[in-house]
Amino acid sequence: MVSLDDAVIARLEKGGKRYEILVDPDLVDSFKSDPESVSLDDLLATDEVWHDARGGERPTEEKLIGVFGTVEIAECVTRILTDGSIQLTTVQRKKLVEDKRKQIVAEIASTAIDPKTKLPHPATRIETALEEARFSVDAFQSIEKQVKDAVSAIRPLIPLSFVTLKLAFRIPGANYGSVQNLVRSDVLREEWLPNGDWAFVVEIPAGMKGDYISKVAKRASDAEVREMK
């Protein structure tokens, strides 16, 4: 569970009233993309909906049912994050953007090389290229998506080459929805097997191998994987 100090307010305004939850800003994008991939215990600082989260004012059950049709916290959270907005102070937004920028730079530095020297680019060179390209970091968009956009933005400025590898996965069909949502942009080919399993092949930067396998395994604990030659 995210601490109250690190949480930010997500707010939906309806009928002249505010409905707020306290959330981990780093998990908002993942939850909105695939709610099953993020537990409410990790996402929320408190398992309640508020009229005023900082002031401690709670809505009545009648109010919640009138707006959300239920008092179930999962349904309320989904609606607030889908239709509402994230309330950030200037300091919070600046910190989120800075943290995301550092992660983007680190990801590129660990997976890309200069094709001439066959050596990684220093982080400072990547940071400079992002500034020259006027690349804008989104506080809530996923790192994976922004790394791809950042690479496209700086490729005209510095030479980049990625050592890639192909991984073949086999997962139970029951896990298809959450896994497909995670890997769809990387899938080269896929097929359904006679026993109902889903098999697919992805191509990714070699440096992402460990993290990539771990992310798939979190959504499909019975996943089988092998590196293709």
Protein backbone atom coordinates (compact mmCIF):
# COMPACT_ATOMS: atom_id res chain seq x y z
CA MET A 1 0.00 0.00 0.00
CA VAL A 2 1.38 3.40 -0.99
CA SER A 3 2.05 5.79 1.89
CA LEU A 4 -0.10 8.86 2.41
CA ASP A 5 2.97 11.05 1.84
CA ASP A 6 3.62 9.55 -1.60
CA ALA A 7 -0.01 9.24 -2.73
CA VAL A 8 -1.76 11.73 -4.99
CA ILE A 9 -5.45 12.53 -5.31
CA ALA A 10 -7.57 11.15 -8.15
CA ARG A 11 -10.85 13.06 -8.38
CA LEU A 12 -14.21 12.76 -10.10
CA GLU A 13 -16.65 15.66 -9.85
CA LYS A 14 -20.32 14.76 -10.09
CA GLY A 15 -23.48 16.56 -9.04
CA GLY A 16 -21.54 19.40 -7.49
CA LYS A 17 -19.59 17.02 -5.25
CA ARG A 18 -16.04 15.66 -5.40
CA TYR A 19 -15.26 11.96 -5.11
CA GLU A 20 -11.62 11.33 -4.33
CA ILE A 21 -9.22 8.44 -3.79
CA LEU A 22 -5.55 8.46 -2.79
CA VAL A 23 -3.44 6.53 -5.29
CA ASP A 24 0.13 5.61 -6.15
CA PRO A 25 0.93 7.81 -9.19
CA ASP A 26 3.35 5.21 -10.57
CA LEU A 27 0.56 2.61 -10.88
CA VAL A 28 -2.20 4.75 -12.40
CA ASP A 29 -1.25 4.07 -16.03
CA SER A 30 -0.88 0.32 -15.44
CA PHE A 31 -4.26 0.15 -13.69
CA LYS A 32 -6.02 2.09 -16.44
CA SER A 33 -4.48 -0.15 -19.12
CA ASP A 34 -5.15 -3.42 -17.32
CA PRO A 35 -6.89 -3.27 -13.92
CA GLU A 36 -6.16 -6.94 -13.26
CA SER A 37 -2.41 -6.27 -13.33
CA VAL A 38 -2.48 -3.99 -10.27
CA SER A 39 -3.88 -4.91 -6.86
CA LEU A 40 -5.95 -2.33 -5.03
CA ASP A 41 -3.73 -2.83 -1.97
CA ASP A 42 -0.76 -1.59 -4.00
CA LEU A 43 -2.67 1.18 -5.77
CA LEU A 44 -4.49 2.80 -2.84
CA ALA A 45 -3.26 4.57 0.27
CA THR A 46 -6.68 4.02 1.89
CA ASP A 47 -9.47 1.72 0.75
CA GLU A 48 -12.10 4.44 0.85
CA VAL A 49 -13.71 7.03 -1.40
CA TRP A 50 -13.78 10.57 0.01
CA HIS A 51 -15.48 13.87 -0.67
CA ASP A 52 -12.30 15.50 0.63
CA ALA A 53 -9.41 13.04 1.03
CA ARG A 54 -7.15 15.48 2.86
CA GLY A 55 -9.92 16.82 5.06
CA GLY A 56 -11.36 13.40 5.92
CA GLU A 57 -14.91 14.04 4.65
CA ARG A 58 -16.64 10.84 3.49
CA PRO A 59 -19.69 10.44 1.22
CA THR A 60 -22.68 8.48 2.43
CA GLU A 61 -23.51 5.07 0.95
CA GLU A 62 -26.52 6.69 -0.72
CA LYS A 63 -24.25 9.20 -2.45
CA LEU A 64 -21.89 6.47 -3.67
CA ILE A 65 -24.75 4.38 -5.03
CA GLY A 66 -26.23 7.43 -6.72
CA VAL A 67 -22.99 8.23 -8.53
CA PHE A 68 -21.33 4.83 -9.01
CA GLY A 69 -24.28 2.45 -8.68
CA THR A 70 -22.40 0.57 -5.96
CA VAL A 71 -20.34 0.95 -2.78
CA GLU A 72 -17.75 -1.58 -4.00
CA ILE A 73 -14.37 0.14 -3.87
CA ALA A 74 -13.01 -1.55 -7.04
CA GLU A 75 -15.88 -0.22 -9.15
CA CYS A 76 -15.56 3.27 -7.69
CA VAL A 77 -11.79 3.33 -8.25
CA THR A 78 -12.14 2.24 -11.87
CA ARG A 79 -14.73 4.92 -12.58
CA ILE A 80 -12.72 7.69 -10.88
CA LEU A 81 -9.51 6.81 -12.75
CA THR A 82 -11.34 6.38 -16.07
CA ASP A 83 -13.54 9.49 -15.99
CA GLY A 84 -11.78 11.69 -13.45
CA SER A 85 -8.42 13.43 -13.23
CA ILE A 86 -5.23 13.29 -11.19
CA GLN A 87 -4.63 16.24 -8.90
CA LEU A 88 -0.93 17.03 -8.60
CA THR A 89 0.90 19.86 -6.96
CA THR A 90 3.65 21.51 -8.98
CA VAL A 91 6.24 19.77 -6.82
CA GLN A 92 4.60 16.34 -7.25
CA ARG A 93 4.33 16.70 -11.02
CA LYS A 94 7.94 17.88 -11.31
CA LYS A 95 9.17 14.90 -9.25
CA LEU A 96 7.14 12.40 -11.28
CA VAL A 97 8.41 13.80 -14.57
CA GLU A 98 12.02 13.84 -13.35
CA ASP A 99 11.78 10.24 -12.11
CA LYS A 100 10.25 9.07 -15.38
CA ARG A 101 12.94 10.90 -17.39
CA LYS A 102 15.68 9.18 -15.38
CA GLN A 103 14.05 5.79 -15.99
CA ILE A 104 13.76 6.48 -19.73
CA VAL A 105 17.42 7.53 -19.96
CA ALA A 106 18.54 4.49 -17.94
CA GLU A 107 16.50 2.13 -20.14
CA ILE A 108 17.98 3.52 -23.36
CA ALA A 109 21.51 3.55 -21.92
CA SER A 110 21.22 -0.10 -20.87
CA THR A 111 19.78 -1.42 -24.14
CA ALA A 112 21.24 0.73 -26.94
CA ILE A 113 24.78 1.03 -28.32
CA ASP A 114 26.61 3.28 -30.76
CA PRO A 115 26.80 1.13 -33.92
CA LYS A 116 30.21 2.61 -34.80
CA THR A 117 31.98 1.99 -31.51
CA LYS A 118 29.79 -0.92 -30.34
CA LEU A 119 29.74 0.78 -26.94
CA PRO A 120 26.79 2.10 -24.90
CA HIS A 121 26.02 5.80 -25.06
CA PRO A 122 26.71 7.64 -21.78
CA ALA A 123 23.55 8.68 -19.96
CA THR A 124 24.56 12.34 -20.26
CA ARG A 125 24.63 12.05 -24.06
CA ILE A 126 21.12 10.59 -24.09
CA GLU A 127 19.87 13.30 -21.72
CA THR A 128 21.34 16.00 -23.97
CA ALA A 129 19.74 14.45 -27.05
CA LEU A 130 16.34 14.35 -25.34
CA GLU A 131 16.69 18.04 -24.47
CA GLU A 132 17.70 18.92 -28.04
CA ALA A 133 14.75 16.93 -29.39
CA ARG A 134 12.48 18.72 -26.90
CA PHE A 135 11.11 15.38 -25.81
CA SER A 136 8.25 15.82 -23.35
CA VAL A 137 7.92 13.23 -20.59
CA ASP A 138 4.40 12.22 -19.55
CA ALA A 139 4.03 11.73 -15.79
CA PHE A 140 1.55 8.87 -16.20
CA GLN A 141 2.31 7.14 -19.49
CA SER A 142 4.17 3.83 -19.25
CA ILE A 143 7.96 3.74 -19.43
CA GLU A 144 7.86 1.17 -22.26
CA LYS A 145 5.78 3.43 -24.50
CA GLN A 146 7.84 6.51 -23.74
CA VAL A 147 11.15 4.74 -24.34
CA LYS A 148 9.97 3.87 -27.86
CA ASP A 149 8.88 7.45 -28.48
CA ALA A 150 12.13 8.81 -27.02
CA VAL A 151 14.24 6.57 -29.26
CA SER A 152 12.34 7.79 -32.32
CA ALA A 153 12.90 11.40 -31.22
CA ILE A 154 16.67 11.16 -30.66
CA ARG A 155 17.65 8.79 -33.47
CA PRO A 156 18.22 11.73 -35.87
CA LEU A 157 20.62 13.22 -33.29
CA ILE A 158 22.70 10.25 -32.13
CA PRO A 159 23.28 6.84 -33.76
CA LEU A 160 21.47 4.05 -31.93
CA SER A 161 21.56 0.33 -32.41
CA PHE A 162 19.80 -2.31 -30.35
CA VAL A 163 20.95 -5.88 -29.86
CA THR A 164 17.69 -7.80 -29.96
CA LEU A 165 16.61 -11.33 -29.19
CA LYS A 166 13.51 -13.39 -29.74
CA LEU A 167 11.62 -15.10 -26.93
CA ALA A 168 8.99 -17.78 -27.43
CA PHE A 169 6.31 -17.94 -24.74
CA ARG A 170 3.58 -20.44 -23.99
CA ILE A 171 0.89 -19.47 -21.49
CA PRO A 172 -2.47 -20.88 -20.36
CA GLY A 173 -5.36 -19.52 -22.41
CA ALA A 174 -6.97 -18.20 -19.22
CA ASN A 175 -4.15 -15.62 -18.96
CA TYR A 176 -4.47 -14.45 -22.57
CA GLY A 177 -6.23 -11.13 -21.89
CA SER A 178 -3.81 -9.66 -19.37
CA VAL A 179 -0.67 -10.96 -21.11
CA GLN A 180 -1.76 -9.95 -24.61
CA ASN A 181 -2.37 -6.42 -23.38
CA LEU A 182 1.22 -6.33 -22.09
CA VAL A 183 3.04 -7.81 -25.11
CA ARG A 184 0.88 -6.95 -28.13
CA SER A 185 3.24 -4.28 -29.54
CA ASP A 186 6.17 -6.75 -29.50
CA VAL A 187 4.49 -9.88 -30.89
CA LEU A 188 5.95 -11.19 -34.16
CA ARG A 189 3.68 -14.20 -34.44
CA GLU A 190 1.17 -16.09 -32.34
CA GLU A 191 -1.02 -19.19 -32.38
CA TRP A 192 -3.54 -21.06 -30.28
CA LEU A 193 -2.45 -24.60 -29.41
CA PRO A 194 -4.78 -27.64 -29.39
CA ASN A 195 -4.82 -27.75 -25.58
CA GLY A 196 -6.00 -24.13 -25.33
CA ASP A 197 -2.62 -22.56 -24.54
CA TRP A 198 -1.55 -19.38 -26.32
CA ALA A 199 1.94 -19.34 -27.88
CA PHE A 200 3.65 -16.23 -29.16
CA VAL A 201 7.06 -14.91 -30.15
CA VAL A 202 8.36 -11.44 -29.30
CA GLU A 203 11.45 -9.51 -30.32
CA ILE A 204 12.91 -7.21 -27.67
CA PRO A 205 16.20 -5.45 -26.80
CA ALA A 206 18.53 -8.02 -25.24
CA GLY A 207 18.98 -5.92 -22.12
CA MET A 208 15.27 -6.20 -21.34
CA LYS A 209 15.20 -10.02 -21.26
CA GLY A 210 15.07 -10.53 -17.49
CA ASP A 211 12.56 -7.78 -16.80
CA TYR A 212 10.37 -8.85 -19.71
CA ILE A 213 10.16 -12.47 -18.58
CA SER A 214 9.39 -11.35 -15.02
CA LYS A 215 6.56 -9.08 -16.19
CA VAL A 216 4.94 -11.88 -18.19
CA ALA A 217 5.37 -14.32 -15.29
CA LYS A 218 3.54 -11.93 -12.95
CA ARG A 219 0.47 -12.22 -15.17
CA ALA A 220 0.89 -15.90 -16.04
CA SER A 221 2.76 -17.82 -13.33
CA ASP A 222 2.71 -21.02 -15.43
CA ALA A 223 4.33 -19.33 -18.43
CA GLU A 224 6.99 -21.27 -20.33
CA VAL A 225 9.68 -19.37 -22.18
CA ARG A 226 12.74 -20.11 -24.28
CA GLU A 227 15.18 -17.96 -26.22
CA MET A 228 15.16 -18.61 -29.94
CA LYS A 229 18.38 -18.97 -31.88
